[in-house]
């Protein structure tokens, strides 16, 4: 039995995250509304990490043109994009709770939604790509778009560094725990989907 792929693992991780966030202190400005921010930040960071790893794998695919690297690029990239997209959903919840409304025109939110639309298209095209090199180039382009468009968006409602600006070490530790658990969920998603795709790609 491969314990890494067991379906109960995400339930345990989500339960652990819920307990940590419920026990975490409120923030002096946002109050209990920061609990939604914890989840948002952890997922967005984990998603960005996944997309960055996919880009690194994509670079390997570009250099070697190996089918296995192309498959891993797609698998990790899709998992990273899913985590990032879920993080944006929680960003909307956090905005509604803390600001009273969701502004789709707020620069960081607008850039994130624009990125998600383009990244989904790139992922679909990557799955149909005629060679691992094309898949790799698309993964590199996706990560570059995240860095340049979302990372370069003006900060209006978002703090520049929510962890370092946190008012207590307990809040900083909660952000770190949220990121660690979100990254663990990302790894579980990759482990659940990678083997079948790897086997399928080895027959091409």
C-alpha atoms as a PDB file:
ATOM      1  CA  UNK A   1       0.000   0.000   0.000  1.00  0.00           C
ATOM      2  CA  UNK A   2       1.408   3.362  -1.055  1.00  0.00           C
ATOM      3  CA  UNK A   3       0.624   5.586   1.923  1.00  0.00           C
ATOM      4  CA  UNK A   4       1.504   8.773   0.027  1.00  0.00           C
ATOM      5  CA  UNK A   5      -1.445   8.274  -2.316  1.00  0.00           C
ATOM      6  CA  UNK A   6      -4.076   7.491   0.343  1.00  0.00           C
ATOM      7  CA  UNK A   7      -7.245   9.634   0.026  1.00  0.00           C
ATOM      8  CA  UNK A   8      -7.436  10.340   3.768  1.00  0.00           C
ATOM      9  CA  UNK A   9      -4.184  12.308   3.780  1.00  0.00           C
ATOM     10  CA  UNK A  10      -5.691  15.605   2.524  1.00  0.00           C
ATOM     11  CA  UNK A  11      -8.476  15.307   5.108  1.00  0.00           C
ATOM     12  CA  UNK A  12      -5.897  15.049   7.873  1.00  0.00           C
ATOM     13  CA  UNK A  13      -3.908  17.973   6.483  1.00  0.00           C
ATOM     14  CA  UNK A  14      -6.999  20.160   6.086  1.00  0.00           C
ATOM     15  CA  UNK A  15      -8.106  19.278   9.613  1.00  0.00           C
ATOM     16  CA  UNK A  16      -4.656  20.163  10.959  1.00  0.00           C
ATOM     17  CA  UNK A  17      -4.729  23.482   9.105  1.00  0.00           C
ATOM     18  CA  UNK A  18      -8.177  24.271  10.515  1.00  0.00           C
ATOM     19  CA  UNK A  19      -7.011  23.589  14.072  1.00  0.00           C
ATOM     20  CA  UNK A  20      -3.867  25.718  13.649  1.00  0.00           C
ATOM     21  CA  UNK A  21      -5.813  28.629  12.192  1.00  0.00           C
ATOM     22  CA  UNK A  22      -8.522  28.469  14.858  1.00  0.00           C
ATOM     23  CA  UNK A  23      -5.865  28.532  17.577  1.00  0.00           C
ATOM     24  CA  UNK A  24      -3.890  31.357  15.945  1.00  0.00           C
ATOM     25  CA  UNK A  25      -4.249  34.870  17.354  1.00  0.00           C
ATOM     26  CA  UNK A  26      -6.381  37.494  15.648  1.00  0.00           C
ATOM     27  CA  UNK A  27      -4.620  40.420  13.994  1.00  0.00           C
ATOM     28  CA  UNK A  28      -5.055  43.901  15.481  1.00  0.00           C
ATOM     29  CA  UNK A  29      -6.327  45.438  12.222  1.00  0.00           C
ATOM     30  CA  UNK A  30      -8.128  42.574  10.495  1.00  0.00           C
ATOM     31  CA  UNK A  31      -9.265  40.804  13.651  1.00  0.00           C
ATOM     32  CA  UNK A  32     -10.532  37.282  13.012  1.00  0.00           C
ATOM     33  CA  UNK A  33     -10.659  38.086   9.293  1.00  0.00           C
ATOM     34  CA  UNK A  34      -6.984  37.221   9.071  1.00  0.00           C
ATOM     35  CA  UNK A  35      -7.908  33.534   9.310  1.00  0.00           C
ATOM     36  CA  UNK A  36      -9.049  33.604   5.673  1.00  0.00           C
ATOM     37  CA  UNK A  37      -5.831  35.395   4.742  1.00  0.00           C
ATOM     38  CA  UNK A  38      -3.788  32.568   6.249  1.00  0.00           C
ATOM     39  CA  UNK A  39      -5.414  30.075   3.876  1.00  0.00           C
ATOM     40  CA  UNK A  40      -5.188  32.427   0.889  1.00  0.00           C
ATOM     41  CA  UNK A  41      -1.486  33.136   1.366  1.00  0.00           C
ATOM     42  CA  UNK A  42      -0.550  29.500   2.019  1.00  0.00           C
ATOM     43  CA  UNK A  43      -2.283  28.295  -1.143  1.00  0.00           C
ATOM     44  CA  UNK A  44      -0.993  31.093  -3.374  1.00  0.00           C
ATOM     45  CA  UNK A  45       2.575  30.564  -2.196  1.00  0.00           C
ATOM     46  CA  UNK A  46       2.302  26.789  -2.644  1.00  0.00           C
ATOM     47  CA  UNK A  47       0.823  27.313  -6.108  1.00  0.00           C
ATOM     48  CA  UNK A  48       3.635  29.657  -7.063  1.00  0.00           C
ATOM     49  CA  UNK A  49       6.165  27.107  -5.810  1.00  0.00           C
ATOM     50  CA  UNK A  50       4.536  24.399  -7.908  1.00  0.00           C
ATOM     51  CA  UNK A  51       4.555  26.554 -11.025  1.00  0.00           C
ATOM     52  CA  UNK A  52       8.203  27.431 -10.397  1.00  0.00           C
ATOM     53  CA  UNK A  53       9.142  23.757 -10.075  1.00  0.00           C
ATOM     54  CA  UNK A  54       7.178  23.029 -13.261  1.00  0.00           C
ATOM     55  CA  UNK A  55       9.189  25.713 -15.036  1.00  0.00           C
ATOM     56  CA  UNK A  56      12.447  24.115 -13.842  1.00  0.00           C
ATOM     57  CA  UNK A  57      11.246  20.723 -15.077  1.00  0.00           C
ATOM     58  CA  UNK A  58      10.188  22.414 -18.301  1.00  0.00           C
ATOM     59  CA  UNK A  59      13.680  23.756 -18.770  1.00  0.00           C
ATOM     60  CA  UNK A  60      14.936  20.191 -18.464  1.00  0.00           C
ATOM     61  CA  UNK A  61      12.378  19.102 -21.064  1.00  0.00           C
ATOM     62  CA  UNK A  62      13.522  21.859 -23.413  1.00  0.00           C
ATOM     63  CA  UNK A  63      17.129  20.753 -23.081  1.00  0.00           C
ATOM     64  CA  UNK A  64      16.605  16.983 -23.273  1.00  0.00           C
ATOM     65  CA  UNK A  65      13.235  16.593 -25.065  1.00  0.00           C
ATOM     66  CA  UNK A  66      12.497  13.654 -22.760  1.00  0.00           C
ATOM     67  CA  UNK A  67       8.859  12.569 -22.615  1.00  0.00           C
ATOM     68  CA  UNK A  68       9.049  11.810 -18.881  1.00  0.00           C
ATOM     69  CA  UNK A  69      10.130  15.370 -18.114  1.00  0.00           C
ATOM     70  CA  UNK A  70       7.308  16.691 -20.252  1.00  0.00           C
ATOM     71  CA  UNK A  71       4.836  14.585 -18.295  1.00  0.00           C
ATOM     72  CA  UNK A  72       6.202  15.729 -14.944  1.00  0.00           C
ATOM     73  CA  UNK A  73       6.123  19.335 -16.155  1.00  0.00           C
ATOM     74  CA  UNK A  74       2.427  19.027 -16.940  1.00  0.00           C
ATOM     75  CA  UNK A  75       1.613  17.199 -13.705  1.00  0.00           C
ATOM     76  CA  UNK A  76       3.388  19.625 -11.395  1.00  0.00           C
ATOM     77  CA  UNK A  77       2.202  22.649 -13.357  1.00  0.00           C
ATOM     78  CA  UNK A  78      -1.449  21.614 -13.181  1.00  0.00           C
ATOM     79  CA  UNK A  79      -1.217  20.944  -9.456  1.00  0.00           C
ATOM     80  CA  UNK A  80       0.473  24.308  -8.897  1.00  0.00           C
ATOM     81  CA  UNK A  81      -2.139  26.115 -10.973  1.00  0.00           C
ATOM     82  CA  UNK A  82      -4.947  24.394  -9.054  1.00  0.00           C
ATOM     83  CA  UNK A  83      -3.441  25.491  -5.722  1.00  0.00           C
ATOM     84  CA  UNK A  84      -2.943  29.048  -6.974  1.00  0.00           C
ATOM     85  CA  UNK A  85      -6.512  29.191  -8.296  1.00  0.00           C
ATOM     86  CA  UNK A  86      -7.911  27.925  -4.999  1.00  0.00           C
ATOM     87  CA  UNK A  87      -5.820  30.561  -3.245  1.00  0.00           C
ATOM     88  CA  UNK A  88      -7.485  33.261  -5.350  1.00  0.00           C
ATOM     89  CA  UNK A  89     -10.903  31.907  -4.358  1.00  0.00           C
ATOM     90  CA  UNK A  90      -9.936  32.288  -0.708  1.00  0.00           C
ATOM     91  CA  UNK A  91      -8.570  35.741  -1.531  1.00  0.00           C
ATOM     92  CA  UNK A  92     -12.082  36.701  -2.626  1.00  0.00           C
ATOM     93  CA  UNK A  93     -13.501  35.331   0.616  1.00  0.00           C
ATOM     94  CA  UNK A  94     -10.886  37.258   2.615  1.00  0.00           C
ATOM     95  CA  UNK A  95     -11.654  40.444   0.662  1.00  0.00           C
ATOM     96  CA  UNK A  96     -15.369  40.051   1.290  1.00  0.00           C
ATOM     97  CA  UNK A  97     -14.829  39.505   5.017  1.00  0.00           C
ATOM     98  CA  UNK A  98     -12.165  42.169   5.578  1.00  0.00           C
ATOM     99  CA  UNK A  99     -13.050  44.835   3.000  1.00  0.00           C
ATOM    100  CA  UNK A 100     -16.775  44.235   2.662  1.00  0.00           C
ATOM    101  CA  UNK A 101     -16.608  43.476  -1.063  1.00  0.00           C
ATOM    102  CA  UNK A 102     -14.534  41.801  -3.755  1.00  0.00           C
ATOM    103  CA  UNK A 103     -12.977  44.274  -6.194  1.00  0.00           C
ATOM    104  CA  UNK A 104     -12.177  42.500  -9.440  1.00  0.00           C
ATOM    105  CA  UNK A 105     -10.445  45.664 -10.626  1.00  0.00           C
ATOM    106  CA  UNK A 106      -8.013  45.846  -7.706  1.00  0.00           C
ATOM    107  CA  UNK A 107      -4.616  45.533  -9.492  1.00  0.00           C
ATOM    108  CA  UNK A 108      -3.376  42.351  -7.804  1.00  0.00           C
ATOM    109  CA  UNK A 109      -6.766  40.655  -8.100  1.00  0.00           C
ATOM    110  CA  UNK A 110      -7.150  41.686 -11.749  1.00  0.00           C
ATOM    111  CA  UNK A 111      -3.647  40.420 -12.547  1.00  0.00           C
ATOM    112  CA  UNK A 112      -4.325  37.126 -10.761  1.00  0.00           C
ATOM    113  CA  UNK A 113      -7.555  36.513 -12.672  1.00  0.00           C
ATOM    114  CA  UNK A 114      -5.879  37.454 -15.945  1.00  0.00           C
ATOM    115  CA  UNK A 115      -3.040  35.066 -15.166  1.00  0.00           C
ATOM    116  CA  UNK A 116      -5.418  32.214 -14.339  1.00  0.00           C
ATOM    117  CA  UNK A 117      -7.249  32.632 -17.646  1.00  0.00           C
ATOM    118  CA  UNK A 118      -4.053  32.586 -19.693  1.00  0.00           C
ATOM    119  CA  UNK A 119      -2.396  29.851 -17.607  1.00  0.00           C
ATOM    120  CA  UNK A 120      -5.344  27.476 -18.056  1.00  0.00           C
ATOM    121  CA  UNK A 121      -5.091  27.932 -21.821  1.00  0.00           C
ATOM    122  CA  UNK A 122      -1.338  27.302 -21.717  1.00  0.00           C
ATOM    123  CA  UNK A 123      -1.860  24.138 -19.664  1.00  0.00           C
ATOM    124  CA  UNK A 124      -4.395  22.811 -22.162  1.00  0.00           C
ATOM    125  CA  UNK A 125      -2.107  23.602 -25.079  1.00  0.00           C
ATOM    126  CA  UNK A 126       0.803  22.019 -23.194  1.00  0.00           C
ATOM    127  CA  UNK A 127      -1.138  18.778 -22.958  1.00  0.00           C
ATOM    128  CA  UNK A 128      -1.609  18.772 -26.723  1.00  0.00           C
ATOM    129  CA  UNK A 129       1.942  19.887 -27.502  1.00  0.00           C
ATOM    130  CA  UNK A 130       3.734  17.871 -30.193  1.00  0.00           C
ATOM    131  CA  UNK A 131       6.917  17.532 -28.143  1.00  0.00           C
ATOM    132  CA  UNK A 132       8.177  17.830 -24.539  1.00  0.00           C
ATOM    133  CA  UNK A 133      10.169  20.883 -25.603  1.00  0.00           C
ATOM    134  CA  UNK A 134       6.987  22.801 -26.431  1.00  0.00           C
ATOM    135  CA  UNK A 135       5.436  21.683 -23.143  1.00  0.00           C
ATOM    136  CA  UNK A 136       8.516  22.918 -21.316  1.00  0.00           C
ATOM    137  CA  UNK A 137       8.488  26.293 -23.065  1.00  0.00           C
ATOM    138  CA  UNK A 138       4.834  26.786 -22.137  1.00  0.00           C
ATOM    139  CA  UNK A 139       5.579  25.964 -18.486  1.00  0.00           C
ATOM    140  CA  UNK A 140       8.441  28.465 -18.461  1.00  0.00           C
ATOM    141  CA  UNK A 141       6.157  31.061 -20.034  1.00  0.00           C
ATOM    142  CA  UNK A 142       3.496  30.404 -17.379  1.00  0.00           C
ATOM    143  CA  UNK A 143       5.952  30.968 -14.531  1.00  0.00           C
ATOM    144  CA  UNK A 144       7.318  34.091 -16.218  1.00  0.00           C
ATOM    145  CA  UNK A 145       3.791  35.474 -16.582  1.00  0.00           C
ATOM    146  CA  UNK A 146       3.129  34.839 -12.888  1.00  0.00           C
ATOM    147  CA  UNK A 147       6.320  36.613 -11.888  1.00  0.00           C
ATOM    148  CA  UNK A 148       5.993  39.567 -14.247  1.00  0.00           C
ATOM    149  CA  UNK A 149       2.249  40.200 -14.335  1.00  0.00           C
ATOM    150  CA  UNK A 150       1.002  39.158 -10.899  1.00  0.00           C
ATOM    151  CA  UNK A 151       4.258  39.827  -9.084  1.00  0.00           C
ATOM    152  CA  UNK A 152       4.616  43.196 -10.780  1.00  0.00           C
ATOM    153  CA  UNK A 153       1.047  44.379 -10.165  1.00  0.00           C
ATOM    154  CA  UNK A 154       0.713  47.538  -8.033  1.00  0.00           C
ATOM    155  CA  UNK A 155      -0.194  46.877  -4.404  1.00  0.00           C
ATOM    156  CA  UNK A 156      -3.307  48.827  -3.434  1.00  0.00           C
ATOM    157  CA  UNK A 157      -5.140  46.680  -0.880  1.00  0.00           C
ATOM    158  CA  UNK A 158      -2.474  44.006  -0.443  1.00  0.00           C
ATOM    159  CA  UNK A 159       0.472  44.412   1.942  1.00  0.00           C
ATOM    160  CA  UNK A 160       3.881  44.006   0.313  1.00  0.00           C
ATOM    161  CA  UNK A 161       5.105  41.407   2.794  1.00  0.00           C
ATOM    162  CA  UNK A 162       2.275  40.072   5.000  1.00  0.00           C
ATOM    163  CA  UNK A 163       4.577  37.811   7.004  1.00  0.00           C
ATOM    164  CA  UNK A 164       7.283  40.295   7.943  1.00  0.00           C
ATOM    165  CA  UNK A 165       4.661  42.971   8.595  1.00  0.00           C
ATOM    166  CA  UNK A 166       2.723  40.673  10.931  1.00  0.00           C
ATOM    167  CA  UNK A 167       2.258  42.032  14.434  1.00  0.00           C
ATOM    168  CA  UNK A 168       3.398  38.877  16.260  1.00  0.00           C
ATOM    169  CA  UNK A 169       5.635  35.862  15.854  1.00  0.00           C
ATOM    170  CA  UNK A 170       2.581  33.623  16.343  1.00  0.00           C
ATOM    171  CA  UNK A 171       0.958  35.133  13.256  1.00  0.00           C
ATOM    172  CA  UNK A 172       4.185  34.663  11.299  1.00  0.00           C
ATOM    173  CA  UNK A 173       4.337  31.032  12.445  1.00  0.00           C
ATOM    174  CA  UNK A 174       0.725  30.499  11.331  1.00  0.00           C
ATOM    175  CA  UNK A 175       1.534  31.820   7.863  1.00  0.00           C
ATOM    176  CA  UNK A 176       4.497  29.423   7.721  1.00  0.00           C
ATOM    177  CA  UNK A 177       2.342  26.493   8.877  1.00  0.00           C
ATOM    178  CA  UNK A 178      -0.332  27.330   6.306  1.00  0.00           C
ATOM    179  CA  UNK A 179       2.288  27.357   3.554  1.00  0.00           C
ATOM    180  CA  UNK A 180       3.789  24.064   4.769  1.00  0.00           C
ATOM    181  CA  UNK A 181       0.407  22.325   4.829  1.00  0.00           C
ATOM    182  CA  UNK A 182      -0.618  23.779   1.449  1.00  0.00           C
ATOM    183  CA  UNK A 183       2.683  22.550   0.015  1.00  0.00           C
ATOM    184  CA  UNK A 184       2.029  19.110   1.499  1.00  0.00           C
ATOM    185  CA  UNK A 185      -1.391  19.077  -0.184  1.00  0.00           C
ATOM    186  CA  UNK A 186       0.294  20.077  -3.433  1.00  0.00           C
ATOM    187  CA  UNK A 187       2.763  17.207  -3.086  1.00  0.00           C
ATOM    188  CA  UNK A 188      -0.086  14.784  -2.373  1.00  0.00           C
ATOM    189  CA  UNK A 189      -1.941  15.941  -5.494  1.00  0.00           C
ATOM    190  CA  UNK A 190       1.182  15.409  -7.589  1.00  0.00           C
ATOM    191  CA  UNK A 191       1.755  11.956  -6.089  1.00  0.00           C
ATOM    192  CA  UNK A 192      -1.857  10.981  -6.833  1.00  0.00           C
ATOM    193  CA  UNK A 193      -1.714  12.007 -10.491  1.00  0.00           C
ATOM    194  CA  UNK A 194       1.907  11.572 -11.588  1.00  0.00           C
ATOM    195  CA  UNK A 195       2.218   7.753 -11.809  1.00  0.00           C
ATOM    196  CA  UNK A 196      -0.596   7.218 -14.320  1.00  0.00           C
ATOM    197  CA  UNK A 197       0.645  10.046 -16.507  1.00  0.00           C
ATOM    198  CA  UNK A 198       4.229   8.848 -16.282  1.00  0.00           C
ATOM    199  CA  UNK A 199       3.217   5.336 -17.323  1.00  0.00           C
ATOM    200  CA  UNK A 200       1.097   6.680 -20.164  1.00  0.00           C
ATOM    201  CA  UNK A 201       3.906   8.905 -21.431  1.00  0.00           C
ATOM    202  CA  UNK A 202       6.445   6.056 -21.388  1.00  0.00           C
ATOM    203  CA  UNK A 203       4.497   4.283 -24.151  1.00  0.00           C
ATOM    204  CA  UNK A 204       4.752   7.234 -26.590  1.00  0.00           C
END
